[in-house]
Amino acid sequence: MAAIIKNEAQYEALREKGYSKEKSARIANTPDAGVKGGKAKAYEERTKADLYEQAKKIGIDGRSKMNKQQLIKALRNH
């Protein structure tokens, strides 16, 4: 069964920019996809514990051995 993409245009634009299929689908399927105004702090402003929890939430392997900079890189590239 194929995944349903709510915002196909945004999904395709993200894929063209080099994002993974999973990340593109996750972004394109969020409520208000394509609407600016997010209130999340930049990764650098978050604690290592916050970054770890985000990495855990999206299933990044090896997160327990990563330092803050590695977690940031992994989150940005997932």
PDB file of N, CA and C in Angstrom:
ATOM      1  N   MET A   1       0.839  -1.180   0.000  1.00  0.00           N
ATOM      2  CA  MET A   1       0.000   0.000   0.000  1.00  0.00           C
ATOM      3  C   MET A   1       0.887   1.248   0.000  1.00  0.00           C
ATOM      4  N   ALA A   2       0.611   2.168  -0.865  1.00  0.00           N
ATOM      5  CA  ALA A   2       1.404   3.383  -0.984  1.00  0.00           C
ATOM      6  C   ALA A   2       1.005   4.398   0.085  1.00  0.00           C
ATOM      7  N   ALA A   3       1.976   5.179   0.515  1.00  0.00           N
ATOM      8  CA  ALA A   3       1.705   6.212   1.508  1.00  0.00           C
ATOM      9  C   ALA A   3       0.923   7.352   0.860  1.00  0.00           C
ATOM     10  N   ILE A   4       0.089   7.987   1.639  1.00  0.00           N
ATOM     11  CA  ILE A   4      -0.690   9.123   1.155  1.00  0.00           C
ATOM     12  C   ILE A   4       0.059  10.401   1.519  1.00  0.00           C
ATOM     13  N   ILE A   5       0.256  11.250   0.534  1.00  0.00           N
ATOM     14  CA  ILE A   5       0.939  12.526   0.730  1.00  0.00           C
ATOM     15  C   ILE A   5      -0.129  13.617   0.655  1.00  0.00           C
ATOM     16  N   LYS A   6      -0.255  14.405   1.718  1.00  0.00           N
ATOM     17  CA  LYS A   6      -1.287  15.442   1.771  1.00  0.00           C
ATOM     18  C   LYS A   6      -0.953  16.656   0.906  1.00  0.00           C
ATOM     19  N   ASN A   7       0.317  17.009   0.824  1.00  0.00           N
ATOM     20  CA  ASN A   7       0.732  18.171   0.055  1.00  0.00           C
ATOM     21  C   ASN A   7       1.783  17.703  -0.963  1.00  0.00           C
ATOM     22  N   GLU A   8       1.290  17.193  -2.080  1.00  0.00           N
ATOM     23  CA  GLU A   8       2.155  16.580  -3.094  1.00  0.00           C
ATOM     24  C   GLU A   8       3.178  17.576  -3.654  1.00  0.00           C
ATOM     25  N   ALA A   9       2.761  18.831  -3.875  1.00  0.00           N
ATOM     26  CA  ALA A   9       3.677  19.836  -4.425  1.00  0.00           C
ATOM     27  C   ALA A   9       4.840  20.097  -3.471  1.00  0.00           C
ATOM     28  N   GLN A  10       4.537  20.196  -2.197  1.00  0.00           N
ATOM     29  CA  GLN A  10       5.598  20.424  -1.217  1.00  0.00           C
ATOM     30  C   GLN A  10       6.512  19.201  -1.127  1.00  0.00           C
ATOM     31  N   TYR A  11       5.925  18.012  -1.159  1.00  0.00           N
ATOM     32  CA  TYR A  11       6.711  16.777  -1.123  1.00  0.00           C
ATOM     33  C   TYR A  11       7.705  16.752  -2.283  1.00  0.00           C
ATOM     34  N   GLU A  12       7.234  17.022  -3.483  1.00  0.00           N
ATOM     35  CA  GLU A  12       8.107  17.001  -4.666  1.00  0.00           C
ATOM     36  C   GLU A  12       9.193  18.069  -4.572  1.00  0.00           C
ATOM     37  N   ALA A  13       8.849  19.244  -4.071  1.00  0.00           N
ATOM     38  CA  ALA A  13       9.846  20.314  -3.929  1.00  0.00           C
ATOM     39  C   ALA A  13      10.940  19.911  -2.935  1.00  0.00           C
ATOM     40  N   LEU A  14      10.550  19.269  -1.854  1.00  0.00           N
ATOM     41  CA  LEU A  14      11.532  18.816  -0.862  1.00  0.00           C
ATOM     42  C   LEU A  14      12.418  17.715  -1.425  1.00  0.00           C
ATOM     43  N   ARG A  15      11.844  16.801  -2.182  1.00  0.00           N
ATOM     44  CA  ARG A  15      12.629  15.726  -2.806  1.00  0.00           C
ATOM     45  C   ARG A  15      13.652  16.315  -3.772  1.00  0.00           C
ATOM     46  N   GLU A  16      13.242  17.343  -4.531  1.00  0.00           N
ATOM     47  CA  GLU A  16      14.160  17.989  -5.478  1.00  0.00           C
ATOM     48  C   GLU A  16      15.317  18.685  -4.752  1.00  0.00           C
ATOM     49  N   LYS A  17      15.071  19.127  -3.530  1.00  0.00           N
ATOM     50  CA  LYS A  17      16.122  19.761  -2.727  1.00  0.00           C
ATOM     51  C   LYS A  17      17.048  18.735  -2.091  1.00  0.00           C
ATOM     52  N   GLY A  18      16.710  17.443  -2.224  1.00  0.00           N
ATOM     53  CA  GLY A  18      17.580  16.402  -1.706  1.00  0.00           C
ATOM     54  C   GLY A  18      17.138  15.784  -0.393  1.00  0.00           C
ATOM     55  N   TYR A  19      15.967  16.155   0.097  1.00  0.00           N
ATOM     56  CA  TYR A  19      15.462  15.553   1.335  1.00  0.00           C
ATOM     57  C   TYR A  19      15.104  14.091   1.085  1.00  0.00           C
ATOM     58  N   SER A  20      15.207  13.273   2.133  1.00  0.00           N
ATOM     59  CA  SER A  20      14.832  11.863   2.014  1.00  0.00           C
ATOM     60  C   SER A  20      13.330  11.747   1.792  1.00  0.00           C
ATOM     61  N   LYS A  21      12.896  10.587   1.299  1.00  0.00           N
ATOM     62  CA  LYS A  21      11.464  10.353   1.101  1.00  0.00           C
ATOM     63  C   LYS A  21      10.715  10.477   2.418  1.00  0.00           C
ATOM     64  N   GLU A  22      11.306   9.906   3.499  1.00  0.00           N
ATOM     65  CA  GLU A  22      10.641   9.932   4.805  1.00  0.00           C
ATOM     66  C   GLU A  22      10.481  11.349   5.336  1.00  0.00           C
ATOM     67  N   LYS A  23      11.561  12.129   5.263  1.00  0.00           N
ATOM     68  CA  LYS A  23      11.502  13.489   5.783  1.00  0.00           C
ATOM     69  C   LYS A  23      10.561  14.341   4.937  1.00  0.00           C
ATOM     70  N   SER A  24      10.598  14.182   3.628  1.00  0.00           N
ATOM     71  CA  SER A  24       9.711  14.930   2.749  1.00  0.00           C
ATOM     72  C   SER A  24       8.253  14.620   3.058  1.00  0.00           C
ATOM     73  N   ALA A  25       7.940  13.331   3.239  1.00  0.00           N
ATOM     74  CA  ALA A  25       6.566  12.928   3.548  1.00  0.00           C
ATOM     75  C   ALA A  25       6.140  13.464   4.903  1.00  0.00           C
ATOM     76  N   ARG A  26       7.033  13.386   5.888  1.00  0.00           N
ATOM     77  CA  ARG A  26       6.700  13.860   7.237  1.00  0.00           C
ATOM     78  C   ARG A  26       6.372  15.351   7.211  1.00  0.00           C
ATOM     79  N   ILE A  27       7.174  16.127   6.487  1.00  0.00           N
ATOM     80  CA  ILE A  27       6.942  17.569   6.408  1.00  0.00           C
ATOM     81  C   ILE A  27       5.665  17.861   5.624  1.00  0.00           C
ATOM     82  N   ALA A  28       5.498  17.212   4.492  1.00  0.00           N
ATOM     83  CA  ALA A  28       4.334  17.464   3.632  1.00  0.00           C
ATOM     84  C   ALA A  28       3.022  17.007   4.269  1.00  0.00           C
ATOM     85  N   ASN A  29       3.090  16.104   5.217  1.00  0.00           N
ATOM     86  CA  ASN A  29       1.877  15.595   5.855  1.00  0.00           C
ATOM     87  C   ASN A  29       1.552  16.263   7.188  1.00  0.00           C
ATOM     88  N   THR A  30       2.354  17.226   7.614  1.00  0.00           N
ATOM     89  CA  THR A  30       2.056  17.904   8.872  1.00  0.00           C
ATOM     90  C   THR A  30       0.884  18.859   8.673  1.00  0.00           C
ATOM     91  N   PRO A  31       0.102  19.071   9.741  1.00  0.00           N
ATOM     92  CA  PRO A  31      -0.961  20.083   9.635  1.00  0.00           C
ATOM     93  C   PRO A  31      -0.320  21.433   9.312  1.00  0.00           C
ATOM     94  N   ASP A  32      -0.954  22.208   8.512  1.00  0.00           N
ATOM     95  CA  ASP A  32      -0.452  23.523   8.103  1.00  0.00           C
ATOM     96  C   ASP A  32       0.856  23.425   7.330  1.00  0.00           C
ATOM     97  N   ALA A  33       1.078  22.323   6.615  1.00  0.00           N
ATOM     98  CA  ALA A  33       2.292  22.166   5.815  1.00  0.00           C
ATOM     99  C   ALA A  33       2.414  23.346   4.855  1.00  0.00           C
ATOM    100  N   GLY A  34       3.582  23.922   4.820  1.00  0.00           N
ATOM    101  CA  GLY A  34       3.840  25.044   3.934  1.00  0.00           C
ATOM    102  C   GLY A  34       3.519  26.393   4.536  1.00  0.00           C
ATOM    103  N   VAL A  35       2.987  26.416   5.765  1.00  0.00           N
ATOM    104  CA  VAL A  35       2.668  27.674   6.423  1.00  0.00           C
ATOM    105  C   VAL A  35       3.844  28.071   7.300  1.00  0.00           C
ATOM    106  N   LYS A  36       4.319  29.295   7.129  1.00  0.00           N
ATOM    107  CA  LYS A  36       5.446  29.761   7.931  1.00  0.00           C
ATOM    108  C   LYS A  36       4.979  30.195   9.306  1.00  0.00           C
ATOM    109  N   GLY A  37       5.924  30.314  10.216  1.00  0.00           N
ATOM    110  CA  GLY A  37       5.599  30.836  11.531  1.00  0.00           C
ATOM    111  C   GLY A  37       5.841  29.866  12.658  1.00  0.00           C
ATOM    112  N   GLY A  38       6.668  28.848  12.430  1.00  0.00           N
ATOM    113  CA  GLY A  38       6.979  27.891  13.481  1.00  0.00           C
ATOM    114  C   GLY A  38       7.638  28.571  14.666  1.00  0.00           C
ATOM    115  N   LYS A  39       7.359  28.082  15.842  1.00  0.00           N
ATOM    116  CA  LYS A  39       7.876  28.705  17.057  1.00  0.00           C
ATOM    117  C   LYS A  39       8.965  27.880  17.730  1.00  0.00           C
ATOM    118  N   ALA A  40       9.424  26.832  17.092  1.00  0.00           N
ATOM    119  CA  ALA A  40      10.447  25.978  17.690  1.00  0.00           C
ATOM    120  C   ALA A  40      11.787  26.717  17.755  1.00  0.00           C
ATOM    121  N   LYS A  41      12.524  26.458  18.832  1.00  0.00           N
ATOM    122  CA  LYS A  41      13.869  27.027  18.987  1.00  0.00           C
ATOM    123  C   LYS A  41      14.808  26.365  17.987  1.00  0.00           C
ATOM    124  N   ALA A  42      15.850  27.077  17.631  1.00  0.00           N
ATOM    125  CA  ALA A  42      16.897  26.486  16.804  1.00  0.00           C
ATOM    126  C   ALA A  42      17.537  25.349  17.590  1.00  0.00           C
ATOM    127  N   TYR A  43      18.020  24.338  16.888  1.00  0.00           N
ATOM    128  CA  TYR A  43      18.637  23.192  17.558  1.00  0.00           C
ATOM    129  C   TYR A  43      19.742  23.638  18.515  1.00  0.00           C
ATOM    130  N   GLU A  44      20.533  24.628  18.127  1.00  0.00           N
ATOM    131  CA  GLU A  44      21.646  25.074  18.957  1.00  0.00           C
ATOM    132  C   GLU A  44      21.180  25.661  20.294  1.00  0.00           C
ATOM    133  N   GLU A  45      19.951  26.139  20.362  1.00  0.00           N
ATOM    134  CA  GLU A  45      19.411  26.728  21.583  1.00  0.00           C
ATOM    135  C   GLU A  45      18.781  25.682  22.507  1.00  0.00           C
ATOM    136  N   ARG A  46      18.633  24.466  22.035  1.00  0.00           N
ATOM    137  CA  ARG A  46      18.020  23.406  22.837  1.00  0.00           C
ATOM    138  C   ARG A  46      19.071  22.658  23.646  1.00  0.00           C
ATOM    139  N   THR A  47      18.621  21.988  24.697  1.00  0.00           N
ATOM    140  CA  THR A  47      19.538  21.184  25.498  1.00  0.00           C
ATOM    141  C   THR A  47      19.797  19.856  24.792  1.00  0.00           C
ATOM    142  N   LYS A  48      20.877  19.202  25.193  1.00  0.00           N
ATOM    143  CA  LYS A  48      21.192  17.891  24.635  1.00  0.00           C
ATOM    144  C   LYS A  48      20.049  16.922  24.923  1.00  0.00           C
ATOM    145  N   ALA A  49      19.456  17.017  26.112  1.00  0.00           N
ATOM    146  CA  ALA A  49      18.339  16.135  26.474  1.00  0.00           C
ATOM    147  C   ALA A  49      17.143  16.343  25.553  1.00  0.00           C
ATOM    148  N   ASP A  50      16.845  17.602  25.198  1.00  0.00           N
ATOM    149  CA  ASP A  50      15.751  17.889  24.264  1.00  0.00           C
ATOM    150  C   ASP A  50      16.037  17.300  22.886  1.00  0.00           C
ATOM    151  N   LEU A  51      17.275  17.466  22.445  1.00  0.00           N
ATOM    152  CA  LEU A  51      17.667  16.932  21.142  1.00  0.00           C
ATOM    153  C   LEU A  51      17.585  15.410  21.133  1.00  0.00           C
ATOM    154  N   TYR A  52      18.015  14.796  22.224  1.00  0.00           N
ATOM    155  CA  TYR A  52      17.950  13.339  22.354  1.00  0.00           C
ATOM    156  C   TYR A  52      16.500  12.862  22.255  1.00  0.00           C
ATOM    157  N   GLU A  53      15.595  13.537  22.946  1.00  0.00           N
ATOM    158  CA  GLU A  53      14.178  13.146  22.915  1.00  0.00           C
ATOM    159  C   GLU A  53      13.597  13.283  21.512  1.00  0.00           C
ATOM    160  N   GLN A  54      13.977  14.340  20.801  1.00  0.00           N
ATOM    161  CA  GLN A  54      13.514  14.510  19.415  1.00  0.00           C
ATOM    162  C   GLN A  54      14.066  13.393  18.535  1.00  0.00           C
ATOM    163  N   ALA A  55      15.334  13.062  18.718  1.00  0.00           N
ATOM    164  CA  ALA A  55      15.957  11.980  17.942  1.00  0.00           C
ATOM    165  C   ALA A  55      15.277  10.650  18.245  1.00  0.00           C
ATOM    166  N   LYS A  56      14.934  10.428  19.499  1.00  0.00           N
ATOM    167  CA  LYS A  56      14.235   9.210  19.897  1.00  0.00           C
ATOM    168  C   LYS A  56      12.856   9.148  19.245  1.00  0.00           C
ATOM    169  N   LYS A  57      12.168  10.275  19.238  1.00  0.00           N
ATOM    170  CA  LYS A  57      10.815  10.365  18.671  1.00  0.00           C
ATOM    171  C   LYS A  57      10.789   9.983  17.190  1.00  0.00           C
ATOM    172  N   ILE A  58      11.828  10.367  16.454  1.00  0.00           N
ATOM    173  CA  ILE A  58      11.837  10.068  15.017  1.00  0.00           C
ATOM    174  C   ILE A  58      12.687   8.854  14.664  1.00  0.00           C
ATOM    175  N   GLY A  59      13.240   8.186  15.689  1.00  0.00           N
ATOM    176  CA  GLY A  59      13.910   6.912  15.466  1.00  0.00           C
ATOM    177  C   GLY A  59      15.324   6.966  14.928  1.00  0.00           C
ATOM    178  N   ILE A  60      16.124   7.918  15.361  1.00  0.00           N
ATOM    179  CA  ILE A  60      17.521   8.001  14.921  1.00  0.00           C
ATOM    180  C   ILE A  60      18.343   6.978  15.699  1.00  0.00           C
ATOM    181  N   ASP A  61      18.976   6.073  14.984  1.00  0.00           N
ATOM    182  CA  ASP A  61      19.815   5.043  15.606  1.00  0.00           C
ATOM    183  C   ASP A  61      21.121   5.643  16.104  1.00  0.00           C
ATOM    184  N   GLY A  62      21.643   5.087  17.199  1.00  0.00           N
ATOM    185  CA  GLY A  62      22.930   5.505  17.741  1.00  0.00           C
ATOM    186  C   GLY A  62      22.887   6.792  18.537  1.00  0.00           C
ATOM    187  N   ARG A  63      21.706   7.293  18.818  1.00  0.00           N
ATOM    188  CA  ARG A  63      21.570   8.590  19.488  1.00  0.00           C
ATOM    189  C   ARG A  63      22.168   8.624  20.889  1.00  0.00           C
ATOM    190  N   SER A  64      22.174   7.496  21.572  1.00  0.00           N
ATOM    191  CA  SER A  64      22.676   7.487  22.954  1.00  0.00           C
ATOM    192  C   SER A  64      24.174   7.745  23.029  1.00  0.00           C
ATOM    193  N   LYS A  65      24.881   7.527  21.938  1.00  0.00           N
ATOM    194  CA  LYS A  65      26.336   7.738  21.918  1.00  0.00           C
ATOM    195  C   LYS A  65      26.722   9.075  21.294  1.00  0.00           C
ATOM    196  N   MET A  66      25.735   9.870  20.886  1.00  0.00           N
ATOM    197  CA  MET A  66      26.016  11.132  20.199  1.00  0.00           C
ATOM    198  C   MET A  66      26.149  12.289  21.171  1.00  0.00           C
ATOM    199  N   ASN A  67      27.042  13.225  20.825  1.00  0.00           N
ATOM    200  CA  ASN A  67      27.108  14.472  21.579  1.00  0.00           C
ATOM    201  C   ASN A  67      26.101  15.453  20.964  1.00  0.00           C
ATOM    202  N   LYS A  68      26.014  16.638  21.511  1.00  0.00           N
ATOM    203  CA  LYS A  68      25.006  17.606  21.053  1.00  0.00           C
ATOM    204  C   LYS A  68      25.162  17.932  19.577  1.00  0.00           C
ATOM    205  N   GLN A  69      26.376  18.180  19.117  1.00  0.00           N
ATOM    206  CA  GLN A  69      26.591  18.529  17.716  1.00  0.00           C
ATOM    207  C   GLN A  69      26.224  17.366  16.787  1.00  0.00           C
ATOM    208  N   GLN A  70      26.510  16.164  17.198  1.00  0.00           N
ATOM    209  CA  GLN A  70      26.155  14.996  16.392  1.00  0.00           C
ATOM    210  C   GLN A  70      24.644  14.813  16.336  1.00  0.00           C
ATOM    211  N   LEU A  71      23.964  15.071  17.451  1.00  0.00           N
ATOM    212  CA  LEU A  71      22.508  14.985  17.455  1.00  0.00           C
ATOM    213  C   LEU A  71      21.910  16.018  16.508  1.00  0.00           C
ATOM    214  N   ILE A  72      22.431  17.242  16.549  1.00  0.00           N
ATOM    215  CA  ILE A  72      21.949  18.300  15.649  1.00  0.00           C
ATOM    216  C   ILE A  72      22.117  17.872  14.202  1.00  0.00           C
ATOM    217  N   LYS A  73      23.293  17.368  13.854  1.00  0.00           N
ATOM    218  CA  LYS A  73      23.560  16.936  12.480  1.00  0.00           C
ATOM    219  C   LYS A  73      22.616  15.797  12.073  1.00  0.00           C
ATOM    220  N   ALA A  74      22.427  14.834  12.968  1.00  0.00           N
ATOM    221  CA  ALA A  74      21.549  13.706  12.666  1.00  0.00           C
ATOM    222  C   ALA A  74      20.103  14.169  12.475  1.00  0.00           C
ATOM    223  N   LEU A  75      19.645  15.086  13.310  1.00  0.00           N
ATOM    224  CA  LEU A  75      18.275  15.597  13.186  1.00  0.00           C
ATOM    225  C   LEU A  75      18.095  16.378  11.886  1.00  0.00           C
ATOM    226  N   ARG A  76      19.076  17.154  11.525  1.00  0.00           N
ATOM    227  CA  ARG A  76      18.975  17.940  10.280  1.00  0.00           C
ATOM    228  C   ARG A  76      19.017  17.069   9.032  1.00  0.00           C
ATOM    229  N   ASN A  77      19.701  15.942   9.133  1.00  0.00           N
ATOM    230  CA  ASN A  77      19.865  15.090   7.952  1.00  0.00           C
ATOM    231  C   ASN A  77      18.911  13.908   7.896  1.00  0.00           C
ATOM    232  N   HIS A  78      18.062  13.786   8.886  1.00  0.00           N
ATOM    233  CA  HIS A  78      17.117  12.650   8.903  1.00  0.00           C
ATOM    234  C   HIS A  78      16.010  12.907   7.920  1.00  0.00           C
TER     235      HIS A  78
END
